[in-house]
Full PDB file with SEQRES, HELIX, SHEET, SSBOND, CRYST1, ORIGX, SCALE, CONECT and MASTER records, all heavy atoms in Angstrom:
SEQRES   1 A   35  THR SER PHE TRP ASN LEU SER VAL THR ILE GLY ASN LEU          
SEQRES   2 A   35  TRP VAL LEU LEU SER ASN VAL SER ILE LYS SER PRO GLY          
SEQRES   3 A   35  ALA LEU ALA ALA ILE GLN SER THR GLY                          
HELIX    1 AA1 SER A    2  SER A   21  1                                  20    
HELIX    2 AA2 PRO A   25  THR A   34  1                                  10    
CRYST1    1.000    1.000    1.000  90.00  90.00  90.00 P 1           1          
ORIGX1      1.000000  0.000000  0.000000        0.00000                         
ORIGX2      0.000000  1.000000  0.000000        0.00000                         
ORIGX3      0.000000  0.000000  1.000000        0.00000                         
SCALE1      1.000000  0.000000  0.000000        0.00000                         
SCALE2      0.000000  1.000000  0.000000        0.00000                         
SCALE3      0.000000  0.000000  1.000000        0.00000                         
ATOM      1  N   THR A   1      -5.666  -2.155 -24.748  1.00  0.00           N  
ATOM      2  CA  THR A   1      -4.261  -2.197 -24.364  1.00  0.00           C  
ATOM      3  C   THR A   1      -3.932  -1.055 -23.411  1.00  0.00           C  
ATOM      4  O   THR A   1      -3.208  -1.240 -22.429  1.00  0.00           O  
ATOM      5  CB  THR A   1      -3.362  -2.133 -25.616  1.00  0.00           C  
ATOM      6  OG1 THR A   1      -3.703  -3.226 -26.475  1.00  0.00           O  
ATOM      7  CG2 THR A   1      -1.895  -2.219 -25.258  1.00  0.00           C  
ATOM      8  N   SER A   2      -4.481   0.134 -23.661  1.00  0.00           N  
ATOM      9  CA  SER A   2      -4.227   1.256 -22.760  1.00  0.00           C  
ATOM     10  C   SER A   2      -4.858   1.016 -21.393  1.00  0.00           C  
ATOM     11  O   SER A   2      -4.277   1.389 -20.368  1.00  0.00           O  
ATOM     12  CB  SER A   2      -4.727   2.568 -23.369  1.00  0.00           C  
ATOM     13  OG  SER A   2      -6.133   2.586 -23.447  1.00  0.00           O  
ATOM     14  N   PHE A   3      -6.019   0.379 -21.350  1.00  0.00           N  
ATOM     15  CA  PHE A   3      -6.625   0.047 -20.059  1.00  0.00           C  
ATOM     16  C   PHE A   3      -5.804  -0.994 -19.309  1.00  0.00           C  
ATOM     17  O   PHE A   3      -5.734  -0.988 -18.086  1.00  0.00           O  
ATOM     18  CB  PHE A   3      -8.080  -0.425 -20.226  1.00  0.00           C  
ATOM     19  CG  PHE A   3      -9.049   0.716 -20.250  1.00  0.00           C  
ATOM     20  CD1 PHE A   3      -9.644   1.101 -21.432  1.00  0.00           C  
ATOM     21  CD2 PHE A   3      -9.359   1.396 -19.087  1.00  0.00           C  
ATOM     22  CE1 PHE A   3     -10.534   2.161 -21.464  1.00  0.00           C  
ATOM     23  CE2 PHE A   3     -10.254   2.453 -19.099  1.00  0.00           C  
ATOM     24  CZ  PHE A   3     -10.847   2.844 -20.293  1.00  0.00           C  
ATOM     25  N   TRP A   4      -5.173  -1.902 -20.041  1.00  0.00           N  
ATOM     26  CA  TRP A   4      -4.279  -2.870 -19.399  1.00  0.00           C  
ATOM     27  C   TRP A   4      -3.131  -2.128 -18.716  1.00  0.00           C  
ATOM     28  O   TRP A   4      -2.805  -2.389 -17.563  1.00  0.00           O  
ATOM     29  CB  TRP A   4      -3.755  -3.882 -20.414  1.00  0.00           C  
ATOM     30  CG  TRP A   4      -2.819  -4.855 -19.793  1.00  0.00           C  
ATOM     31  CD1 TRP A   4      -1.455  -4.783 -19.740  1.00  0.00           C  
ATOM     32  CD2 TRP A   4      -3.172  -6.029 -19.064  1.00  0.00           C  
ATOM     33  NE1 TRP A   4      -0.943  -5.842 -19.037  1.00  0.00           N  
ATOM     34  CE2 TRP A   4      -1.985  -6.622 -18.614  1.00  0.00           C  
ATOM     35  CE3 TRP A   4      -4.380  -6.634 -18.751  1.00  0.00           C  
ATOM     36  CZ2 TRP A   4      -1.963  -7.791 -17.862  1.00  0.00           C  
ATOM     37  CZ3 TRP A   4      -4.369  -7.803 -18.020  1.00  0.00           C  
ATOM     38  CH2 TRP A   4      -3.166  -8.366 -17.579  1.00  0.00           C  
ATOM     39  N   ASN A   5      -2.547  -1.181 -19.429  1.00  0.00           N  
ATOM     40  CA  ASN A   5      -1.453  -0.391 -18.853  1.00  0.00           C  
ATOM     41  C   ASN A   5      -1.943   0.471 -17.689  1.00  0.00           C  
ATOM     42  O   ASN A   5      -1.222   0.659 -16.710  1.00  0.00           O  
ATOM     43  CB  ASN A   5      -0.785   0.468 -19.927  1.00  0.00           C  
ATOM     44  CG  ASN A   5      -0.025  -0.369 -20.921  1.00  0.00           C  
ATOM     45  OD1 ASN A   5       0.541  -1.401 -20.577  1.00  0.00           O  
ATOM     46  ND2 ASN A   5      -0.007   0.067 -22.175  1.00  0.00           N  
ATOM     47  N   LEU A   6      -3.157   0.979 -17.780  1.00  0.00           N  
ATOM     48  CA  LEU A   6      -3.730   1.751 -16.681  1.00  0.00           C  
ATOM     49  C   LEU A   6      -3.901   0.883 -15.435  1.00  0.00           C  
ATOM     50  O   LEU A   6      -3.670   1.339 -14.311  1.00  0.00           O  
ATOM     51  CB  LEU A   6      -5.077   2.354 -17.101  1.00  0.00           C  
ATOM     52  CG  LEU A   6      -5.807   3.178 -16.041  1.00  0.00           C  
ATOM     53  CD1 LEU A   6      -4.985   4.402 -15.655  1.00  0.00           C  
ATOM     54  CD2 LEU A   6      -7.189   3.585 -16.561  1.00  0.00           C  
ATOM     55  N   SER A   7      -4.290  -0.377 -15.637  1.00  0.00           N  
ATOM     56  CA  SER A   7      -4.448  -1.270 -14.482  1.00  0.00           C  
ATOM     57  C   SER A   7      -3.107  -1.505 -13.783  1.00  0.00           C  
ATOM     58  O   SER A   7      -3.057  -1.628 -12.553  1.00  0.00           O  
ATOM     59  CB  SER A   7      -5.088  -2.598 -14.899  1.00  0.00           C  
ATOM     60  OG  SER A   7      -4.178  -3.383 -15.637  1.00  0.00           O  
ATOM     61  N   VAL A   8      -2.020  -1.544 -14.537  1.00  0.00           N  
ATOM     62  CA  VAL A   8      -0.685  -1.677 -13.939  1.00  0.00           C  
ATOM     63  C   VAL A   8      -0.372  -0.435 -13.102  1.00  0.00           C  
ATOM     64  O   VAL A   8       0.139  -0.531 -11.980  1.00  0.00           O  
ATOM     65  CB  VAL A   8       0.382  -1.908 -15.033  1.00  0.00           C  
ATOM     66  CG1 VAL A   8       1.784  -1.833 -14.449  1.00  0.00           C  
ATOM     67  CG2 VAL A   8       0.144  -3.235 -15.731  1.00  0.00           C  
ATOM     68  N   THR A   9      -0.699   0.734 -13.626  1.00  0.00           N  
ATOM     69  CA  THR A   9      -0.476   1.978 -12.885  1.00  0.00           C  
ATOM     70  C   THR A   9      -1.275   2.001 -11.593  1.00  0.00           C  
ATOM     71  O   THR A   9      -0.760   2.374 -10.536  1.00  0.00           O  
ATOM     72  CB  THR A   9      -0.858   3.189 -13.769  1.00  0.00           C  
ATOM     73  OG1 THR A   9      -0.071   3.154 -14.950  1.00  0.00           O  
ATOM     74  CG2 THR A   9      -0.648   4.498 -13.033  1.00  0.00           C  
ATOM     75  N   ILE A  10      -2.523   1.601 -11.668  1.00  0.00           N  
ATOM     76  CA  ILE A  10      -3.369   1.573 -10.472  1.00  0.00           C  
ATOM     77  C   ILE A  10      -2.802   0.593  -9.448  1.00  0.00           C  
ATOM     78  O   ILE A  10      -2.789   0.868  -8.245  1.00  0.00           O  
ATOM     79  CB  ILE A  10      -4.826   1.237 -10.847  1.00  0.00           C  
ATOM     80  CG1 ILE A  10      -5.428   2.408 -11.627  1.00  0.00           C  
ATOM     81  CG2 ILE A  10      -5.663   0.919  -9.609  1.00  0.00           C  
ATOM     82  CD1 ILE A  10      -6.754   2.108 -12.273  1.00  0.00           C  
ATOM     83  N   GLY A  11      -2.311  -0.544  -9.907  1.00  0.00           N  
ATOM     84  CA  GLY A  11      -1.681  -1.504  -8.996  1.00  0.00           C  
ATOM     85  C   GLY A  11      -0.455  -0.920  -8.322  1.00  0.00           C  
ATOM     86  O   GLY A  11      -0.238  -1.112  -7.114  1.00  0.00           O  
ATOM     87  N   ASN A  12       0.362  -0.183  -9.078  1.00  0.00           N  
ATOM     88  CA  ASN A  12       1.538   0.447  -8.489  1.00  0.00           C  
ATOM     89  C   ASN A  12       1.151   1.513  -7.468  1.00  0.00           C  
ATOM     90  O   ASN A  12       1.801   1.647  -6.427  1.00  0.00           O  
ATOM     91  CB  ASN A  12       2.419   1.062  -9.587  1.00  0.00           C  
ATOM     92  CG  ASN A  12       3.106   0.003 -10.412  1.00  0.00           C  
ATOM     93  OD1 ASN A  12       3.317  -1.112  -9.965  1.00  0.00           O  
ATOM     94  ND2 ASN A  12       3.455   0.358 -11.641  1.00  0.00           N  
ATOM     95  N   LEU A  13       0.101   2.267  -7.746  1.00  0.00           N  
ATOM     96  CA  LEU A  13      -0.381   3.255  -6.775  1.00  0.00           C  
ATOM     97  C   LEU A  13      -0.897   2.579  -5.510  1.00  0.00           C  
ATOM     98  O   LEU A  13      -0.704   3.079  -4.399  1.00  0.00           O  
ATOM     99  CB  LEU A  13      -1.471   4.133  -7.401  1.00  0.00           C  
ATOM    100  CG  LEU A  13      -0.990   5.110  -8.466  1.00  0.00           C  
ATOM    101  CD1 LEU A  13      -2.189   5.791  -9.139  1.00  0.00           C  
ATOM    102  CD2 LEU A  13      -0.044   6.135  -7.870  1.00  0.00           C  
ATOM    103  N   TRP A  14      -1.562   1.429  -5.661  1.00  0.00           N  
ATOM    104  CA  TRP A  14      -2.056   0.695  -4.505  1.00  0.00           C  
ATOM    105  C   TRP A  14      -0.890   0.232  -3.623  1.00  0.00           C  
ATOM    106  O   TRP A  14      -0.963   0.325  -2.399  1.00  0.00           O  
ATOM    107  CB  TRP A  14      -2.892  -0.516  -4.960  1.00  0.00           C  
ATOM    108  CG  TRP A  14      -3.454  -1.261  -3.817  1.00  0.00           C  
ATOM    109  CD1 TRP A  14      -4.597  -0.972  -3.132  1.00  0.00           C  
ATOM    110  CD2 TRP A  14      -2.883  -2.408  -3.187  1.00  0.00           C  
ATOM    111  NE1 TRP A  14      -4.769  -1.876  -2.124  1.00  0.00           N  
ATOM    112  CE2 TRP A  14      -3.728  -2.765  -2.136  1.00  0.00           C  
ATOM    113  CE3 TRP A  14      -1.749  -3.169  -3.422  1.00  0.00           C  
ATOM    114  CZ2 TRP A  14      -3.476  -3.839  -1.313  1.00  0.00           C  
ATOM    115  CZ3 TRP A  14      -1.491  -4.232  -2.602  1.00  0.00           C  
ATOM    116  CH2 TRP A  14      -2.349  -4.564  -1.562  1.00  0.00           C  
ATOM    117  N   VAL A  15       0.184  -0.233  -4.229  1.00  0.00           N  
ATOM    118  CA  VAL A  15       1.366  -0.645  -3.470  1.00  0.00           C  
ATOM    119  C   VAL A  15       1.953   0.560  -2.740  1.00  0.00           C  
ATOM    120  O   VAL A  15       2.327   0.465  -1.564  1.00  0.00           O  
ATOM    121  CB  VAL A  15       2.418  -1.313  -4.380  1.00  0.00           C  
ATOM    122  CG1 VAL A  15       3.734  -1.506  -3.657  1.00  0.00           C  
ATOM    123  CG2 VAL A  15       1.886  -2.649  -4.892  1.00  0.00           C  
ATOM    124  N   LEU A  16       2.017   1.698  -3.408  1.00  0.00           N  
ATOM    125  CA  LEU A  16       2.518   2.914  -2.782  1.00  0.00           C  
ATOM    126  C   LEU A  16       1.674   3.286  -1.566  1.00  0.00           C  
ATOM    127  O   LEU A  16       2.214   3.579  -0.490  1.00  0.00           O  
ATOM    128  CB  LEU A  16       2.534   4.060  -3.796  1.00  0.00           C  
ATOM    129  CG  LEU A  16       2.864   5.437  -3.248  1.00  0.00           C  
ATOM    130  CD1 LEU A  16       4.325   5.499  -2.828  1.00  0.00           C  
ATOM    131  CD2 LEU A  16       2.542   6.511  -4.262  1.00  0.00           C  
ATOM    132  N   LEU A  17       0.362   3.269  -1.718  1.00  0.00           N  
ATOM    133  CA  LEU A  17      -0.524   3.588  -0.599  1.00  0.00           C  
ATOM    134  C   LEU A  17      -0.379   2.577   0.543  1.00  0.00           C  
ATOM    135  O   LEU A  17      -0.443   2.951   1.718  1.00  0.00           O  
ATOM    136  CB  LEU A  17      -1.974   3.658  -1.069  1.00  0.00           C  
ATOM    137  CG  LEU A  17      -2.317   4.842  -1.964  1.00  0.00           C  
ATOM    138  CD1 LEU A  17      -3.748   4.727  -2.478  1.00  0.00           C  
ATOM    139  CD2 LEU A  17      -2.114   6.151  -1.216  1.00  0.00           C  
ATOM    140  N   SER A  18      -0.183   1.331   0.211  1.00  0.00           N  
ATOM    141  CA  SER A  18       0.022   0.314   1.246  1.00  0.00           C  
ATOM    142  C   SER A  18       1.295   0.586   2.032  1.00  0.00           C  
ATOM    143  O   SER A  18       1.317   0.481   3.261  1.00  0.00           O  
ATOM    144  CB  SER A  18       0.104  -1.085   0.633  1.00  0.00           C  
ATOM    145  OG  SER A  18      -1.088  -1.408  -0.020  1.00  0.00           O  
ATOM    146  N   ASN A  19       2.348   0.942   1.321  1.00  0.00           N  
ATOM    147  CA  ASN A  19       3.621   1.235   1.979  1.00  0.00           C  
ATOM    148  C   ASN A  19       3.529   2.480   2.855  1.00  0.00           C  
ATOM    149  O   ASN A  19       4.144   2.542   3.917  1.00  0.00           O  
ATOM    150  CB  ASN A  19       4.747   1.389   0.959  1.00  0.00           C  
ATOM    151  CG  ASN A  19       5.202   0.061   0.421  1.00  0.00           C  
ATOM    152  OD1 ASN A  19       5.415  -0.875   1.168  1.00  0.00           O  
ATOM    153  ND2 ASN A  19       5.351  -0.037  -0.881  1.00  0.00           N  
ATOM    154  N   VAL A  20       2.772   3.481   2.423  1.00  0.00           N  
ATOM    155  CA  VAL A  20       2.597   4.695   3.219  1.00  0.00           C  
ATOM    156  C   VAL A  20       1.692   4.409   4.420  1.00  0.00           C  
ATOM    157  O   VAL A  20       1.951   4.874   5.525  1.00  0.00           O  
ATOM    158  CB  VAL A  20       2.024   5.835   2.342  1.00  0.00           C  
ATOM    159  CG1 VAL A  20       1.586   7.017   3.179  1.00  0.00           C  
ATOM    160  CG2 VAL A  20       3.055   6.257   1.309  1.00  0.00           C  
ATOM    161  N   SER A  21       0.637   3.650   4.219  1.00  0.00           N  
ATOM    162  CA  SER A  21      -0.328   3.366   5.285  1.00  0.00           C  
ATOM    163  C   SER A  21       0.283   2.608   6.444  1.00  0.00           C  
ATOM    164  O   SER A  21      -0.138   2.774   7.594  1.00  0.00           O  
ATOM    165  CB  SER A  21      -1.518   2.580   4.726  1.00  0.00           C  
ATOM    166  OG  SER A  21      -2.188   3.334   3.765  1.00  0.00           O  
ATOM    167  N   ILE A  22       1.265   1.784   6.156  1.00  0.00           N  
ATOM    168  CA  ILE A  22       1.871   0.992   7.221  1.00  0.00           C  
ATOM    169  C   ILE A  22       2.636   1.880   8.200  1.00  0.00           C  
ATOM    170  O   ILE A  22       2.944   1.468   9.309  1.00  0.00           O  
ATOM    171  CB  ILE A  22       2.766  -0.122   6.648  1.00  0.00           C  
ATOM    172  CG1 ILE A  22       2.990  -1.211   7.689  1.00  0.00           C  
ATOM    173  CG2 ILE A  22       4.082   0.431   6.165  1.00  0.00           C  
ATOM    174  CD1 ILE A  22       3.623  -2.444   7.152  1.00  0.00           C  
ATOM    175  N   LYS A  23       2.911   3.115   7.811  1.00  0.00           N  
ATOM    176  CA  LYS A  23       3.631   4.061   8.669  1.00  0.00           C  
ATOM    177  C   LYS A  23       2.712   4.809   9.626  1.00  0.00           C  
ATOM    178  O   LYS A  23       3.173   5.588  10.450  1.00  0.00           O  
ATOM    179  CB  LYS A  23       4.407   5.077   7.817  1.00  0.00           C  
ATOM    180  CG  LYS A  23       5.405   4.449   6.876  1.00  0.00           C  
ATOM    181  CD  LYS A  23       6.509   3.759   7.596  1.00  0.00           C  
ATOM    182  CE  LYS A  23       7.526   3.219   6.604  1.00  0.00           C  
ATOM    183  NZ  LYS A  23       8.474   2.337   7.209  1.00  0.00           N  
ATOM    184  N   SER A  24       1.407   4.593   9.540  1.00  0.00           N  
ATOM    185  CA  SER A  24       0.483   5.277  10.444  1.00  0.00           C  
ATOM    186  C   SER A  24       0.673   4.755  11.860  1.00  0.00           C  
ATOM    187  O   SER A  24       1.065   3.598  12.069  1.00  0.00           O  
ATOM    188  CB  SER A  24      -0.964   5.070   9.995  1.00  0.00           C  
ATOM    189  OG  SER A  24      -1.370   3.733  10.247  1.00  0.00           O  
ATOM    190  N   PRO A  25       0.413   5.599  12.868  1.00  0.00           N  
ATOM    191  CA  PRO A  25       0.619   5.170  14.262  1.00  0.00           C  
ATOM    192  C   PRO A  25      -0.180   3.915  14.634  1.00  0.00           C  
ATOM    193  O   PRO A  25       0.321   3.036  15.330  1.00  0.00           O  
ATOM    194  CB  PRO A  25       0.157   6.380  15.075  1.00  0.00           C  
ATOM    195  CG  PRO A  25       0.304   7.544  14.161  1.00  0.00           C  
ATOM    196  CD  PRO A  25       0.043   7.007  12.780  1.00  0.00           C  
ATOM    197  N   GLY A  26      -1.408   3.813  14.133  1.00  0.00           N  
ATOM    198  CA  GLY A  26      -2.223   2.640  14.436  1.00  0.00           C  
ATOM    199  C   GLY A  26      -1.642   1.365  13.856  1.00  0.00           C  
ATOM    200  O   GLY A  26      -1.590   0.324  14.514  1.00  0.00           O  
ATOM    201  N   ALA A  27      -1.202   1.447  12.604  1.00  0.00           N  
ATOM    202  CA  ALA A  27      -0.610   0.277  11.954  1.00  0.00           C  
ATOM    203  C   ALA A  27       0.698  -0.107  12.626  1.00  0.00           C  
ATOM    204  O   ALA A  27       0.963  -1.287  12.859  1.00  0.00           O  
ATOM    205  CB  ALA A  27      -0.390   0.543  10.465  1.00  0.00           C  
ATOM    206  N   LEU A  28       1.530   0.892  12.958  1.00  0.00           N  
ATOM    207  CA  LEU A  28       2.812   0.603  13.617  1.00  0.00           C  
ATOM    208  C   LEU A  28       2.593  -0.047  14.981  1.00  0.00           C  
ATOM    209  O   LEU A  28       3.320  -0.972  15.355  1.00  0.00           O  
ATOM    210  CB  LEU A  28       3.644   1.880  13.752  1.00  0.00           C  
ATOM    211  CG  LEU A  28       4.245   2.413  12.460  1.00  0.00           C  
ATOM    212  CD1 LEU A  28       4.923   3.754  12.708  1.00  0.00           C  
ATOM    213  CD2 LEU A  28       5.237   1.421  11.867  1.00  0.00           C  
ATOM    214  N   ALA A  29       1.587   0.423  15.715  1.00  0.00           N  
ATOM    215  CA  ALA A  29       1.292  -0.179  17.023  1.00  0.00           C  
ATOM    216  C   ALA A  29       0.828  -1.621  16.866  1.00  0.00           C  
ATOM    217  O   ALA A  29       1.234  -2.503  17.636  1.00  0.00           O  
ATOM    218  CB  ALA A  29       0.232   0.648  17.748  1.00  0.00           C  
ATOM    219  N   ALA A  30      -0.014  -1.869  15.873  1.00  0.00           N  
ATOM    220  CA  ALA A  30      -0.493  -3.235  15.636  1.00  0.00           C  
ATOM    221  C   ALA A  30       0.664  -4.148  15.242  1.00  0.00           C  
ATOM    222  O   ALA A  30       0.740  -5.294  15.695  1.00  0.00           O  
ATOM    223  CB  ALA A  30      -1.567  -3.235  14.552  1.00  0.00           C  
ATOM    224  N   ILE A  31       1.566  -3.648  14.409  1.00  0.00           N  
ATOM    225  CA  ILE A  31       2.707  -4.455  13.981  1.00  0.00           C  
ATOM    226  C   ILE A  31       3.632  -4.739  15.153  1.00  0.00           C  
ATOM    227  O   ILE A  31       4.099  -5.858  15.339  1.00  0.00           O  
ATOM    228  CB  ILE A  31       3.460  -3.754  12.829  1.00  0.00           C  
ATOM    229  CG1 ILE A  31       2.606  -3.788  11.567  1.00  0.00           C  
ATOM    230  CG2 ILE A  31       4.817  -4.396  12.584  1.00  0.00           C  
ATOM    231  CD1 ILE A  31       3.114  -2.902  10.460  1.00  0.00           C  
ATOM    232  N   GLN A  32       3.897  -3.715  15.962  1.00  0.00           N  
ATOM    233  CA  GLN A  32       4.785  -3.906  17.112  1.00  0.00           C  
ATOM    234  C   GLN A  32       4.211  -4.917  18.094  1.00  0.00           C  
ATOM    235  O   GLN A  32       4.961  -5.661  18.732  1.00  0.00           O  
ATOM    236  CB  GLN A  32       5.050  -2.580  17.804  1.00  0.00           C  
ATOM    237  CG  GLN A  32       5.954  -1.673  16.993  1.00  0.00           C  
ATOM    238  CD  GLN A  32       6.072  -0.270  17.577  1.00  0.00           C  
ATOM    239  OE1 GLN A  32       5.356   0.085  18.498  1.00  0.00           O  
ATOM    240  NE2 GLN A  32       6.975   0.518  17.006  1.00  0.00           N  
ATOM    241  N   SER A  33       2.894  -4.998  18.191  1.00  0.00           N  
ATOM    242  CA  SER A  33       2.282  -5.961  19.105  1.00  0.00           C  
ATOM    243  C   SER A  33       2.479  -7.407  18.650  1.00  0.00           C  
ATOM    244  O   SER A  33       2.387  -8.332  19.443  1.00  0.00           O  
ATOM    245  CB  SER A  33       0.795  -5.663  19.281  1.00  0.00           C  
ATOM    246  OG  SER A  33       0.076  -5.984  18.095  1.00  0.00           O  
ATOM    247  N   THR A  34       2.767  -7.604  17.348  1.00  0.00           N  
ATOM    248  CA  THR A  34       2.985  -8.962  16.844  1.00  0.00           C  
ATOM    249  C   THR A  34       4.394  -9.451  17.117  1.00  0.00           C  
ATOM    250  O   THR A  34       4.649 -10.651  17.115  1.00  0.00           O  
ATOM    251  CB  THR A  34       2.752  -9.042  15.319  1.00  0.00           C  
ATOM    252  OG1 THR A  34       3.743  -8.262  14.643  1.00  0.00           O  
ATOM    253  CG2 THR A  34       1.359  -8.572  14.941  1.00  0.00           C  
ATOM    254  N   GLY A  35       5.325  -8.506  17.287  1.00  0.00           N  
ATOM    255  CA  GLY A  35       6.719  -8.881  17.475  1.00  0.00           C  
ATOM    256  C   GLY A  35       7.480  -9.057  16.170  1.00  0.00           C  
ATOM    257  O   GLY A  35       8.666  -9.364  16.182  1.00  0.00           O  
TER     258      GLY A  35                                                      
MASTER        0    0    0    2    0    0    0    6  257    1    0    3          
END                                                                             
């Protein structure tokens, strides 16, 4: 049960990292190129 809860925490950290990563100059340039 504790490992199940740990997996939820890891998933939340992954979402946080995804949201931060999208702010990198390379990611922003790629996104802007899509329109």
